[in-house]
Amino acid sequence: KGSNLRVRIKLNLDEMVNGTTKTIKVKRMKAAPGATSKTCPTCHGSGAQIKVMNTMFGQMQTQTTCGTCGGLGKVADKIPAGANSEGLLKTDEEISINIPAGARDGIQLNVRGKGNDAPFGGIPGDLLVVIEEEEDRNIKREGDNLHQELYISFAEAALGTSKEISTIGGKVKIKIDAGTQSGKILRLAGKGLPSIDSYGKGD
């Protein structure tokens, strides 16, 4: 199997809640057109070498990875210009990645077959996508709950008012009762992030 690649993608809160599709450019090793291989002359395709040593206890056999082919059992026959010794060429490829709704900071997504190609055939590696959360200017996340500060005047606090605020689901009008004290928390149920472990939402 070819080696895996790892990339990081930054998402804002809206993208984490609703899911999105991101197209990124990845440098990956791909089999060069026209590259051919042949059976390794050292290990005859087994990928291993057996060494026999004479000791005072008799002959001892040790098996090691073939130093010629590195355990592949094959070596290059024809290598096109620009390719490496394994017949692989570094190329830029645009890959679309579907991010599911409810993604979280630190989650790793696996895009199969979009890592590096295996030398001389075999299964391509995978592309591992690590999600990073972009810090929001106004909204702070705590688990599935979101916190937002709202500044109002002394008169609005004393007499009461209504305010329109932005949430990840759109704008919402909230009522502020007369005599509201600084630091009071108003809870908007279900206006947070969808929970990964259940069907509910944070506040």
N, C-alpha and C. Protein backbone atom coordinates (compact mmCIF):
# COMPACT_ATOMS: atom_id res chain seq x y z
N LYS A 1 0.84 -1.19 0.00
CA LYS A 1 0.00 0.00 0.00
C LYS A 1 0.88 1.24 0.00
N GLY A 2 0.42 2.28 -0.73
CA GLY A 2 1.14 3.55 -0.73
C GLY A 2 1.01 4.24 0.61
N SER A 3 1.85 5.24 0.85
CA SER A 3 1.83 5.95 2.13
C SER A 3 0.65 6.91 2.19
N ASN A 4 0.20 7.18 3.42
CA ASN A 4 -0.91 8.11 3.63
C ASN A 4 -0.41 9.55 3.62
N LEU A 5 -1.30 10.47 3.29
CA LEU A 5 -1.02 11.90 3.37
C LEU A 5 -1.94 12.51 4.42
N ARG A 6 -1.47 13.58 5.07
CA ARG A 6 -2.28 14.25 6.09
C ARG A 6 -2.35 15.74 5.77
N VAL A 7 -3.58 16.28 5.79
CA VAL A 7 -3.78 17.72 5.58
C VAL A 7 -4.70 18.25 6.69
N ARG A 8 -4.65 19.56 6.90
CA ARG A 8 -5.54 20.21 7.87
C ARG A 8 -6.46 21.18 7.13
N ILE A 9 -7.73 21.17 7.52
CA ILE A 9 -8.72 22.07 6.91
C ILE A 9 -9.38 22.87 8.02
N LYS A 10 -9.42 24.19 7.85
CA LYS A 10 -10.07 25.05 8.84
C LYS A 10 -11.52 25.27 8.45
N LEU A 11 -12.41 25.16 9.46
CA LEU A 11 -13.85 25.38 9.25
C LEU A 11 -14.34 26.42 10.23
N ASN A 12 -15.28 27.26 9.76
CA ASN A 12 -15.95 28.17 10.69
C ASN A 12 -17.14 27.44 11.32
N LEU A 13 -17.78 28.09 12.30
CA LEU A 13 -18.88 27.44 13.02
C LEU A 13 -20.02 27.04 12.11
N ASP A 14 -20.34 27.89 11.15
CA ASP A 14 -21.44 27.59 10.23
C ASP A 14 -21.14 26.33 9.43
N GLU A 15 -19.90 26.19 8.96
CA GLU A 15 -19.52 25.00 8.19
C GLU A 15 -19.52 23.75 9.06
N MET A 16 -19.13 23.91 10.34
CA MET A 16 -19.13 22.77 11.25
C MET A 16 -20.55 22.30 11.54
N VAL A 17 -21.49 23.24 11.64
CA VAL A 17 -22.87 22.88 11.95
C VAL A 17 -23.56 22.24 10.75
N ASN A 18 -23.43 22.87 9.58
CA ASN A 18 -24.22 22.47 8.42
C ASN A 18 -23.49 21.53 7.47
N GLY A 19 -22.19 21.36 7.66
CA GLY A 19 -21.42 20.57 6.71
C GLY A 19 -21.10 21.39 5.47
N THR A 20 -20.11 20.96 4.72
CA THR A 20 -19.71 21.71 3.54
C THR A 20 -18.85 20.82 2.65
N THR A 21 -18.51 21.31 1.48
CA THR A 21 -17.57 20.63 0.58
C THR A 21 -16.39 21.56 0.34
N LYS A 22 -15.20 21.06 0.57
CA LYS A 22 -13.99 21.84 0.37
C LYS A 22 -13.17 21.21 -0.75
N THR A 23 -12.67 22.04 -1.66
CA THR A 23 -11.77 21.57 -2.71
C THR A 23 -10.38 22.07 -2.40
N ILE A 24 -9.44 21.15 -2.23
CA ILE A 24 -8.08 21.52 -1.89
C ILE A 24 -7.10 20.95 -2.91
N LYS A 25 -5.93 21.58 -3.00
CA LYS A 25 -4.89 21.08 -3.89
C LYS A 25 -3.89 20.28 -3.04
N VAL A 26 -3.63 19.04 -3.45
CA VAL A 26 -2.75 18.14 -2.70
C VAL A 26 -1.61 17.70 -3.60
N LYS A 27 -0.39 17.71 -3.05
CA LYS A 27 0.76 17.15 -3.76
C LYS A 27 0.85 15.67 -3.38
N ARG A 28 0.69 14.79 -4.35
CA ARG A 28 0.75 13.36 -4.09
C ARG A 28 1.58 12.64 -5.14
N MET A 29 2.17 11.53 -4.74
CA MET A 29 2.99 10.73 -5.65
C MET A 29 2.08 9.79 -6.44
N LYS A 30 2.15 9.90 -7.76
CA LYS A 30 1.33 9.04 -8.62
C LYS A 30 2.24 8.25 -9.56
N ALA A 31 1.75 7.08 -9.95
CA ALA A 31 2.51 6.25 -10.88
C ALA A 31 2.69 7.00 -12.20
N ALA A 32 3.94 7.11 -12.65
CA ALA A 32 4.23 7.84 -13.89
C ALA A 32 3.78 7.00 -15.08
N PRO A 33 3.11 7.62 -16.06
CA PRO A 33 2.70 6.88 -17.26
C PRO A 33 3.93 6.28 -17.96
N GLY A 34 3.85 5.01 -18.28
CA GLY A 34 4.95 4.35 -18.98
C GLY A 34 5.96 3.68 -18.07
N ALA A 35 5.84 3.86 -16.74
CA ALA A 35 6.77 3.22 -15.82
C ALA A 35 6.48 1.72 -15.75
N THR A 36 7.53 0.90 -15.85
CA THR A 36 7.38 -0.56 -15.78
C THR A 36 8.34 -1.12 -14.73
N SER A 37 8.06 -2.33 -14.29
CA SER A 37 8.91 -2.97 -13.29
C SER A 37 9.23 -4.40 -13.71
N LYS A 38 10.18 -5.00 -13.01
CA LYS A 38 10.53 -6.40 -13.24
C LYS A 38 10.83 -7.05 -11.90
N THR A 39 10.83 -8.38 -11.89
CA THR A 39 11.10 -9.12 -10.65
C THR A 39 12.51 -8.81 -10.15
N CYS A 40 12.62 -8.59 -8.86
CA CYS A 40 13.91 -8.27 -8.25
C CYS A 40 14.89 -9.44 -8.46
N PRO A 41 16.07 -9.17 -9.04
CA PRO A 41 17.02 -10.25 -9.30
C PRO A 41 17.69 -10.79 -8.03
N THR A 42 17.64 -10.01 -6.96
CA THR A 42 18.30 -10.43 -5.73
C THR A 42 17.46 -11.42 -4.94
N CYS A 43 16.17 -11.07 -4.72
CA CYS A 43 15.30 -11.93 -3.90
C CYS A 43 14.34 -12.75 -4.73
N HIS A 44 14.36 -12.57 -6.07
CA HIS A 44 13.50 -13.31 -7.00
C HIS A 44 12.01 -13.12 -6.67
N GLY A 45 11.68 -11.92 -6.22
CA GLY A 45 10.27 -11.58 -5.99
C GLY A 45 9.75 -11.84 -4.59
N SER A 46 10.56 -12.44 -3.73
CA SER A 46 10.07 -12.76 -2.37
C SER A 46 10.09 -11.54 -1.44
N GLY A 47 10.95 -10.57 -1.75
CA GLY A 47 11.06 -9.38 -0.89
C GLY A 47 11.96 -9.58 0.30
N ALA A 48 12.55 -10.78 0.44
CA ALA A 48 13.40 -11.08 1.61
C ALA A 48 14.67 -11.78 1.15
N GLN A 49 15.71 -11.61 1.96
CA GLN A 49 16.97 -12.29 1.73
C GLN A 49 17.27 -13.20 2.92
N ILE A 50 17.75 -14.40 2.62
CA ILE A 50 18.13 -15.35 3.68
C ILE A 50 19.64 -15.46 3.71
N LYS A 51 20.20 -15.18 4.86
CA LYS A 51 21.65 -15.28 5.03
C LYS A 51 21.98 -16.47 5.93
N VAL A 52 22.97 -17.24 5.53
CA VAL A 52 23.40 -18.41 6.29
C VAL A 52 24.77 -18.11 6.91
N MET A 53 24.85 -18.31 8.22
CA MET A 53 26.10 -18.07 8.92
C MET A 53 26.55 -19.35 9.61
N ASN A 54 27.84 -19.64 9.53
CA ASN A 54 28.42 -20.78 10.23
C ASN A 54 28.86 -20.35 11.63
N THR A 55 28.33 -21.00 12.63
CA THR A 55 28.69 -20.70 14.01
C THR A 55 29.18 -21.98 14.68
N MET A 56 29.65 -21.87 15.93
CA MET A 56 30.12 -23.03 16.67
C MET A 56 28.98 -24.01 16.96
N PHE A 57 27.73 -23.53 16.83
CA PHE A 57 26.58 -24.40 17.06
C PHE A 57 26.03 -24.98 15.76
N GLY A 58 26.67 -24.63 14.66
CA GLY A 58 26.21 -25.09 13.36
C GLY A 58 25.77 -23.90 12.51
N GLN A 59 25.02 -24.18 11.47
CA GLN A 59 24.56 -23.10 10.57
C GLN A 59 23.32 -22.41 11.13
N MET A 60 23.33 -21.08 11.03
CA MET A 60 22.17 -20.28 11.45
C MET A 60 21.66 -19.48 10.27
N GLN A 61 20.35 -19.48 10.09
CA GLN A 61 19.74 -18.71 9.00
C GLN A 61 19.03 -17.48 9.57
N THR A 62 19.22 -16.35 8.92
CA THR A 62 18.49 -15.12 9.27
C THR A 62 17.82 -14.56 8.03
N GLN A 63 16.61 -14.10 8.20
CA GLN A 63 15.87 -13.53 7.08
C GLN A 63 15.74 -12.02 7.28
N THR A 64 16.12 -11.27 6.28
CA THR A 64 16.05 -9.81 6.34
C THR A 64 15.34 -9.28 5.10
N THR A 65 14.89 -8.04 5.18
CA THR A 65 14.27 -7.40 4.02
C THR A 65 15.30 -7.23 2.92
N CYS A 66 14.90 -7.51 1.73
CA CYS A 66 15.81 -7.41 0.59
C CYS A 66 16.34 -5.98 0.46
N GLY A 67 17.65 -5.85 0.41
CA GLY A 67 18.25 -4.52 0.31
C GLY A 67 18.15 -3.91 -1.07
N THR A 68 17.88 -4.73 -2.08
CA THR A 68 17.80 -4.21 -3.45
C THR A 68 16.44 -3.58 -3.72
N CYS A 69 15.37 -4.29 -3.34
CA CYS A 69 14.01 -3.79 -3.66
C CYS A 69 13.27 -3.24 -2.45
N GLY A 70 13.88 -3.34 -1.25
CA GLY A 70 13.22 -2.82 -0.05
C GLY A 70 12.01 -3.63 0.37
N GLY A 71 11.95 -4.90 -0.05
CA GLY A 71 10.84 -5.75 0.33
C GLY A 71 9.68 -5.77 -0.64
N LEU A 72 9.79 -5.01 -1.74
CA LEU A 72 8.69 -4.95 -2.72
C LEU A 72 8.65 -6.20 -3.61
N GLY A 73 9.79 -6.80 -3.82
CA GLY A 73 9.84 -7.95 -4.74
C GLY A 73 9.98 -7.54 -6.19
N LYS A 74 9.97 -6.23 -6.43
CA LYS A 74 10.09 -5.70 -7.79
C LYS A 74 11.07 -4.55 -7.79
N VAL A 75 11.70 -4.34 -8.94
CA VAL A 75 12.56 -3.17 -9.15
C VAL A 75 12.14 -2.51 -10.46
N ALA A 76 12.58 -1.28 -10.62
CA ALA A 76 12.19 -0.53 -11.81
C ALA A 76 12.83 -1.13 -13.06
N ASP A 77 12.07 -1.10 -14.12
CA ASP A 77 12.58 -1.55 -15.42
C ASP A 77 12.75 -0.34 -16.33
N LYS A 78 11.65 0.37 -16.56
CA LYS A 78 11.70 1.62 -17.33
C LYS A 78 11.14 2.75 -16.48
N ILE A 79 11.87 3.85 -16.37
CA ILE A 79 11.44 5.00 -15.57
C ILE A 79 11.37 6.22 -16.47
N PRO A 80 10.18 6.82 -16.64
CA PRO A 80 10.06 8.02 -17.47
C PRO A 80 10.81 9.20 -16.83
N ALA A 81 11.10 10.18 -17.63
CA ALA A 81 11.80 11.38 -17.15
C ALA A 81 10.98 12.07 -16.06
N GLY A 82 11.65 12.46 -15.00
CA GLY A 82 10.99 13.18 -13.91
C GLY A 82 10.50 12.29 -12.78
N ALA A 83 10.39 10.98 -13.02
CA ALA A 83 9.91 10.06 -11.99
C ALA A 83 11.07 9.65 -11.09
N ASN A 84 10.73 9.19 -9.87
CA ASN A 84 11.77 8.73 -8.96
C ASN A 84 12.13 7.27 -9.25
N SER A 85 12.98 6.69 -8.41
CA SER A 85 13.47 5.32 -8.66
C SER A 85 12.37 4.28 -8.54
N GLU A 86 11.23 4.64 -7.96
CA GLU A 86 10.10 3.71 -7.82
C GLU A 86 9.03 3.95 -8.89
N GLY A 87 9.36 4.79 -9.87
CA GLY A 87 8.42 5.05 -10.96
C GLY A 87 7.27 5.97 -10.57
N LEU A 88 7.47 6.78 -9.52
CA LEU A 88 6.43 7.68 -9.04
C LEU A 88 6.79 9.13 -9.38
N LEU A 89 5.75 9.90 -9.65
CA LEU A 89 5.91 11.29 -10.07
C LEU A 89 5.10 12.18 -9.13
N LYS A 90 5.70 13.27 -8.63
CA LYS A 90 4.96 14.19 -7.75
C LYS A 90 4.05 15.07 -8.58
N THR A 91 2.74 15.03 -8.29
CA THR A 91 1.77 15.80 -9.06
C THR A 91 0.85 16.58 -8.12
N ASP A 92 0.30 17.67 -8.64
CA ASP A 92 -0.72 18.44 -7.92
C ASP A 92 -2.09 17.94 -8.36
N GLU A 93 -2.95 17.66 -7.40
CA GLU A 93 -4.30 17.18 -7.72
C GLU A 93 -5.32 17.90 -6.85
N GLU A 94 -6.39 18.35 -7.47
CA GLU A 94 -7.49 18.97 -6.73
C GLU A 94 -8.46 17.88 -6.27
N ILE A 95 -8.74 17.88 -4.98
CA ILE A 95 -9.59 16.85 -4.39
C ILE A 95 -10.73 17.51 -3.63
N SER A 96 -11.96 17.07 -3.91
CA SER A 96 -13.14 17.58 -3.20
C SER A 96 -13.40 16.70 -1.98
N ILE A 97 -13.57 17.34 -0.83
CA ILE A 97 -13.76 16.63 0.43
C ILE A 97 -15.11 17.03 1.01
N ASN A 98 -15.97 16.04 1.23
CA ASN A 98 -17.27 16.29 1.84
C ASN A 98 -17.13 16.28 3.36
N ILE A 99 -17.42 17.42 3.98
CA ILE A 99 -17.35 17.54 5.44
C ILE A 99 -18.77 17.34 5.98
N PRO A 100 -19.01 16.32 6.81
CA PRO A 100 -20.36 16.09 7.32
C PRO A 100 -20.77 17.13 8.34
N ALA A 101 -22.07 17.33 8.48
CA ALA A 101 -22.59 18.24 9.51
C ALA A 101 -22.21 17.72 10.89
N GLY A 102 -21.87 18.64 11.78
CA GLY A 102 -21.50 18.25 13.14
C GLY A 102 -20.03 17.94 13.31
N ALA A 103 -19.19 18.28 12.32
CA ALA A 103 -17.75 18.05 12.45
C ALA A 103 -17.21 18.87 13.61
N ARG A 104 -16.15 18.39 14.24
CA ARG A 104 -15.57 19.04 15.41
C ARG A 104 -14.07 19.23 15.25
N ASP A 105 -13.53 20.16 16.00
CA ASP A 105 -12.10 20.40 16.01
C ASP A 105 -11.37 19.13 16.43
N GLY A 106 -10.37 18.73 15.64
CA GLY A 106 -9.58 17.55 15.96
C GLY A 106 -10.07 16.26 15.33
N ILE A 107 -11.29 16.27 14.76
CA ILE A 107 -11.80 15.06 14.10
C ILE A 107 -10.98 14.78 12.83
N GLN A 108 -10.74 13.51 12.56
CA GLN A 108 -9.99 13.12 11.38
C GLN A 108 -10.89 12.36 10.41
N LEU A 109 -10.96 12.84 9.18
CA LEU A 109 -11.73 12.18 8.12
C LEU A 109 -10.77 11.42 7.21
N ASN A 110 -11.24 10.32 6.67
CA ASN A 110 -10.40 9.46 5.83
C ASN A 110 -10.95 9.45 4.40
N VAL A 111 -10.17 9.96 3.45
CA VAL A 111 -10.54 9.91 2.03
C VAL A 111 -9.73 8.80 1.39
N ARG A 112 -10.38 7.69 1.11
CA ARG A 112 -9.66 6.50 0.65
C ARG A 112 -9.08 6.68 -0.76
N GLY A 113 -7.86 6.17 -0.92
CA GLY A 113 -7.24 6.13 -2.24
C GLY A 113 -6.70 7.44 -2.74
N LYS A 114 -6.67 8.48 -1.89
CA LYS A 114 -6.17 9.79 -2.34
C LYS A 114 -4.85 10.15 -1.68
N GLY A 115 -4.15 9.12 -1.14
CA GLY A 115 -2.79 9.34 -0.67
C GLY A 115 -1.81 9.07 -1.79
N ASN A 116 -0.59 8.66 -1.45
CA ASN A 116 0.41 8.35 -2.47
C ASN A 116 0.15 6.98 -3.08
N ASP A 117 0.43 6.87 -4.39
CA ASP A 117 0.33 5.57 -5.05
C ASP A 117 1.42 4.65 -4.51
N ALA A 118 1.15 3.35 -4.56
CA ALA A 118 2.16 2.36 -4.19
C ALA A 118 3.13 2.19 -5.37
N PRO A 119 4.41 2.02 -5.08
CA PRO A 119 5.35 1.80 -6.20
C PRO A 119 5.08 0.47 -6.90
N PHE A 120 5.12 0.50 -8.23
CA PHE A 120 4.95 -0.68 -9.07
C PHE A 120 3.62 -1.39 -8.82
N GLY A 121 2.56 -0.64 -8.74
CA GLY A 121 1.24 -1.22 -8.52
C GLY A 121 0.91 -1.29 -7.04
N GLY A 122 -0.21 -1.92 -6.72
CA GLY A 122 -0.63 -2.00 -5.32
C GLY A 122 -1.74 -1.01 -5.03
N ILE A 123 -2.05 -0.85 -3.76
CA ILE A 123 -3.18 -0.03 -3.34
C ILE A 123 -2.69 1.37 -2.96
N PRO A 124 -3.32 2.44 -3.49
CA PRO A 124 -2.92 3.78 -3.07
C PRO A 124 -3.20 4.01 -1.58
N GLY A 125 -2.41 4.88 -0.97
CA GLY A 125 -2.66 5.25 0.42
C GLY A 125 -3.88 6.14 0.53
N ASP A 126 -4.19 6.58 1.74
CA ASP A 126 -5.37 7.41 2.00
C ASP A 126 -4.97 8.84 2.33
N LEU A 127 -5.92 9.75 2.17
CA LEU A 127 -5.74 11.15 2.55
C LEU A 127 -6.45 11.35 3.89
N LEU A 128 -5.70 11.71 4.92
CA LEU A 128 -6.26 11.93 6.25
C LEU A 128 -6.47 13.43 6.44
N VAL A 129 -7.72 13.81 6.68
CA VAL A 129 -8.09 15.22 6.79
C VAL A 129 -8.41 15.54 8.24
N VAL A 130 -7.61 16.42 8.84
CA VAL A 130 -7.81 16.83 10.24
C VAL A 130 -8.56 18.16 10.25
N ILE A 131 -9.65 18.21 11.00
CA ILE A 131 -10.49 19.41 11.07
C ILE A 131 -9.96 20.37 12.14
N GLU A 132 -9.81 21.63 11.77
CA GLU A 132 -9.45 22.68 12.72
C GLU A 132 -10.57 23.72 12.76
N GLU A 133 -10.87 24.21 13.94
CA GLU A 133 -11.95 25.19 14.10
C GLU A 133 -11.40 26.61 14.03
N GLU A 134 -11.98 27.42 13.14
CA GLU A 134 -11.61 28.83 13.09
C GLU A 134 -12.26 29.56 14.26
N GLU A 135 -11.49 30.39 14.92
CA GLU A 135 -12.05 31.13 16.05
C GLU A 135 -13.01 32.20 15.55
N ASP A 136 -14.20 32.22 16.14
CA ASP A 136 -15.22 33.20 15.76
C ASP A 136 -15.06 34.45 16.61
N ARG A 137 -15.25 35.60 15.98
CA ARG A 137 -15.06 36.87 16.69
C ARG A 137 -16.09 37.08 17.79
N ASN A 138 -17.32 36.64 17.55
CA ASN A 138 -18.42 36.97 18.46
C ASN A 138 -18.92 35.78 19.27
N ILE A 139 -18.75 34.58 18.74
CA ILE A 139 -19.33 33.40 19.39
C ILE A 139 -18.21 32.49 19.90
N LYS A 140 -18.29 32.10 21.16
CA LYS A 140 -17.33 31.17 21.75
C LYS A 140 -18.03 29.83 21.99
N ARG A 141 -17.32 28.73 21.66
CA ARG A 141 -17.91 27.40 21.80
C ARG A 141 -17.45 26.74 23.10
N GLU A 142 -18.38 26.08 23.76
CA GLU A 142 -18.08 25.27 24.94
C GLU A 142 -18.84 23.95 24.79
N GLY A 143 -18.14 22.95 24.24
CA GLY A 143 -18.83 21.70 23.91
C GLY A 143 -19.84 21.95 22.79
N ASP A 144 -21.08 21.57 23.02
CA ASP A 144 -22.14 21.80 22.04
C ASP A 144 -22.82 23.15 22.23
N ASN A 145 -22.52 23.83 23.34
CA ASN A 145 -23.15 25.13 23.63
C ASN A 145 -22.31 26.27 23.07
N LEU A 146 -22.99 27.34 22.70
CA LEU A 146 -22.33 28.53 22.17
C LEU A 146 -22.62 29.73 23.08
N HIS A 147 -21.60 30.53 23.32
CA HIS A 147 -21.74 31.71 24.19
C HIS A 147 -21.52 32.98 23.37
N GLN A 148 -22.38 33.96 23.62
CA GLN A 148 -22.26 35.22 22.92
C GLN A 148 -22.55 36.37 23.88
N GLU A 149 -21.76 37.44 23.82
CA GLU A 149 -21.98 38.60 24.68
C GLU A 149 -22.80 39.65 23.92
N LEU A 150 -23.74 40.24 24.63
CA LEU A 150 -24.57 41.30 24.06
C LEU A 150 -24.50 42.52 24.96
N TYR A 151 -24.12 43.65 24.38
CA TYR A 151 -24.01 44.89 25.15
C TYR A 151 -25.25 45.74 24.93
N ILE A 152 -25.85 46.19 26.04
CA ILE A 152 -27.04 47.06 25.96
C ILE A 152 -26.80 48.27 26.86
N SER A 153 -27.60 49.30 26.64
CA SER A 153 -27.44 50.53 27.43
C SER A 153 -28.11 50.37 28.79
N PHE A 154 -27.81 51.30 29.71
CA PHE A 154 -28.42 51.29 31.04
C PHE A 154 -29.94 51.43 30.92
N ALA A 155 -30.38 52.30 30.01
CA ALA A 155 -31.81 52.53 29.84
C ALA A 155 -32.50 51.26 29.34
N GLU A 156 -31.87 50.55 28.39
CA GLU A 156 -32.44 49.32 27.87
C GLU A 156 -32.53 48.25 28.96
N ALA A 157 -31.51 48.21 29.83
CA ALA A 157 -31.52 47.23 30.92
C ALA A 157 -32.61 47.57 31.93
N ALA A 158 -32.79 48.84 32.18
CA ALA A 158 -33.77 49.27 33.19
C ALA A 158 -35.20 49.11 32.70
N LEU A 159 -35.45 49.50 31.44
CA LEU A 159 -36.81 49.54 30.92
C LEU A 159 -37.20 48.27 30.13
N GLY A 160 -36.20 47.48 29.76
CA GLY A 160 -36.48 46.31 28.94
C GLY A 160 -36.47 46.67 27.46
N THR A 161 -36.16 45.69 26.61
CA THR A 161 -36.10 45.93 25.18
C THR A 161 -36.09 44.59 24.44
N SER A 162 -36.05 44.65 23.13
CA SER A 162 -35.85 43.43 22.34
C SER A 162 -34.68 43.69 21.40
N LYS A 163 -33.89 42.65 21.16
CA LYS A 163 -32.70 42.79 20.33
C LYS A 163 -32.64 41.65 19.32
N GLU A 164 -32.11 41.95 18.14
CA GLU A 164 -31.89 40.92 17.13
C GLU A 164 -30.42 40.50 17.16
N ILE A 165 -30.18 39.21 17.33
CA ILE A 165 -28.82 38.72 17.37
C ILE A 165 -28.61 37.69 16.27
N SER A 166 -27.35 37.52 15.89
CA SER A 166 -27.00 36.52 14.87
C SER A 166 -26.65 35.21 15.54
N THR A 167 -27.24 34.12 15.05
CA THR A 167 -26.88 32.78 15.51
C THR A 167 -26.41 32.00 14.30
N ILE A 168 -25.90 30.79 14.52
CA ILE A 168 -25.43 29.99 13.39
C ILE A 168 -26.58 29.53 12.49
N GLY A 169 -27.81 29.64 12.99
CA GLY A 169 -28.97 29.28 12.18
C GLY A 169 -29.66 30.48 11.55
N GLY A 170 -29.12 31.68 11.75
CA GLY A 170 -29.73 32.89 11.23
C GLY A 170 -30.00 33.89 12.35
N LYS A 171 -30.71 34.96 12.03
CA LYS A 171 -30.97 36.00 13.02
C LYS A 171 -32.18 35.62 13.88
N VAL A 172 -32.08 35.96 15.18
CA VAL A 172 -33.13 35.64 16.15
C VAL A 172 -33.39 36.88 16.99
N LYS A 173 -34.68 37.16 17.27
CA LYS A 173 -35.03 38.30 18.14
C LYS A 173 -35.23 37.78 19.56
N ILE A 174 -34.58 38.41 20.53
CA ILE A 174 -34.71 38.01 21.93
C ILE A 174 -35.30 39.17 22.74
N LYS A 175 -36.04 38.81 23.78
CA LYS A 175 -36.65 39.81 24.66
C LYS A 175 -35.81 39.94 25.92
N ILE A 176 -35.53 41.19 26.29
CA ILE A 176 -34.77 41.47 27.51
C ILE A 176 -35.72 42.16 28.48
N ASP A 177 -35.95 41.52 29.62
CA ASP A 177 -36.92 42.03 30.60
C ASP A 177 -36.41 43.29 31.27
N ALA A 178 -37.35 44.11 31.73
CA ALA A 178 -37.00 45.30 32.50
C ALA A 178 -36.29 44.89 33.79
N GLY A 179 -35.26 45.66 34.14
CA GLY A 179 -34.51 45.39 35.36
C GLY A 179 -33.46 44.30 35.20
N THR A 180 -33.14 43.97 33.96
CA THR A 180 -32.11 42.94 33.73
C THR A 180 -30.75 43.42 34.23
N GLN A 181 -30.07 42.56 34.98
CA GLN A 181 -28.76 42.89 35.52
C GLN A 181 -27.64 42.45 34.57
N SER A 182 -26.53 43.18 34.63
CA SER A 182 -25.35 42.81 33.84
C SER A 182 -24.87 41.41 34.23
N GLY A 183 -24.55 40.58 33.24
CA GLY A 183 -24.08 39.23 33.51
C GLY A 183 -25.16 38.18 33.44
N LYS A 184 -26.43 38.60 33.29
CA LYS A 184 -27.51 37.61 33.19
C LYS A 184 -27.35 36.78 31.92
N ILE A 185 -27.64 35.49 32.04
CA ILE A 185 -27.53 34.58 30.90
C ILE A 185 -28.93 34.23 30.39
N LEU A 186 -29.16 34.46 29.11
CA LEU A 186 -30.41 34.05 28.46
C LEU A 186 -30.10 32.80 27.64
N ARG A 187 -30.92 31.80 27.77
CA ARG A 187 -30.68 30.53 27.08
C ARG A 187 -31.63 30.37 25.90
N LEU A 188 -31.06 30.17 24.71
CA LEU A 188 -31.86 29.87 23.51
C LEU A 188 -31.70 28.38 23.24
N ALA A 189 -32.69 27.61 23.63
CA ALA A 189 -32.60 26.14 23.54
C ALA A 189 -32.49 25.69 22.08
N GLY A 190 -31.57 24.77 21.83
CA GLY A 190 -31.45 24.16 20.51
C GLY A 190 -30.80 25.03 19.46
N LYS A 191 -30.19 26.16 19.88
CA LYS A 191 -29.55 27.06 18.91
C LYS A 191 -28.04 26.86 18.89
N GLY A 192 -27.57 25.77 19.53
CA GLY A 192 -26.13 25.48 19.53
C GLY A 192 -25.77 24.49 18.44
N LEU A 193 -24.69 23.75 18.69
CA LEU A 193 -24.21 22.79 17.72
C LEU A 193 -24.92 21.44 17.87
N PRO A 194 -25.11 20.73 16.77
CA PRO A 194 -25.68 19.38 16.88
C PRO A 194 -24.71 18.47 17.61
N SER A 195 -25.24 17.62 18.47
CA SER A 195 -24.39 16.72 19.25
C SER A 195 -23.94 15.55 18.38
N ILE A 196 -22.68 15.15 18.55
CA ILE A 196 -22.15 14.01 17.80
C ILE A 196 -22.70 12.70 18.35
N ASP A 197 -22.88 12.63 19.67
CA ASP A 197 -23.26 11.38 20.33
C ASP A 197 -24.77 11.15 20.40
N SER A 198 -25.58 12.19 20.12
CA SER A 198 -27.02 12.02 20.20
C SER A 198 -27.67 12.84 19.11
N TYR A 199 -29.02 12.85 19.14
CA TYR A 199 -29.74 13.59 18.10
C TYR A 199 -30.07 15.01 18.53
N GLY A 200 -29.67 15.41 19.73
CA GLY A 200 -30.01 16.73 20.24
C GLY A 200 -29.05 17.80 19.76
N LYS A 201 -29.33 19.03 20.22
CA LYS A 201 -28.47 20.16 19.91
C LYS A 201 -28.14 20.89 21.20
N GLY A 202 -27.00 21.58 21.18
CA GLY A 202 -26.65 22.43 22.31
C GLY A 202 -27.47 23.70 22.29
N ASP A 203 -27.22 24.58 23.24
CA ASP A 203 -27.99 25.82 23.39
C ASP A 203 -27.14 27.03 23.03
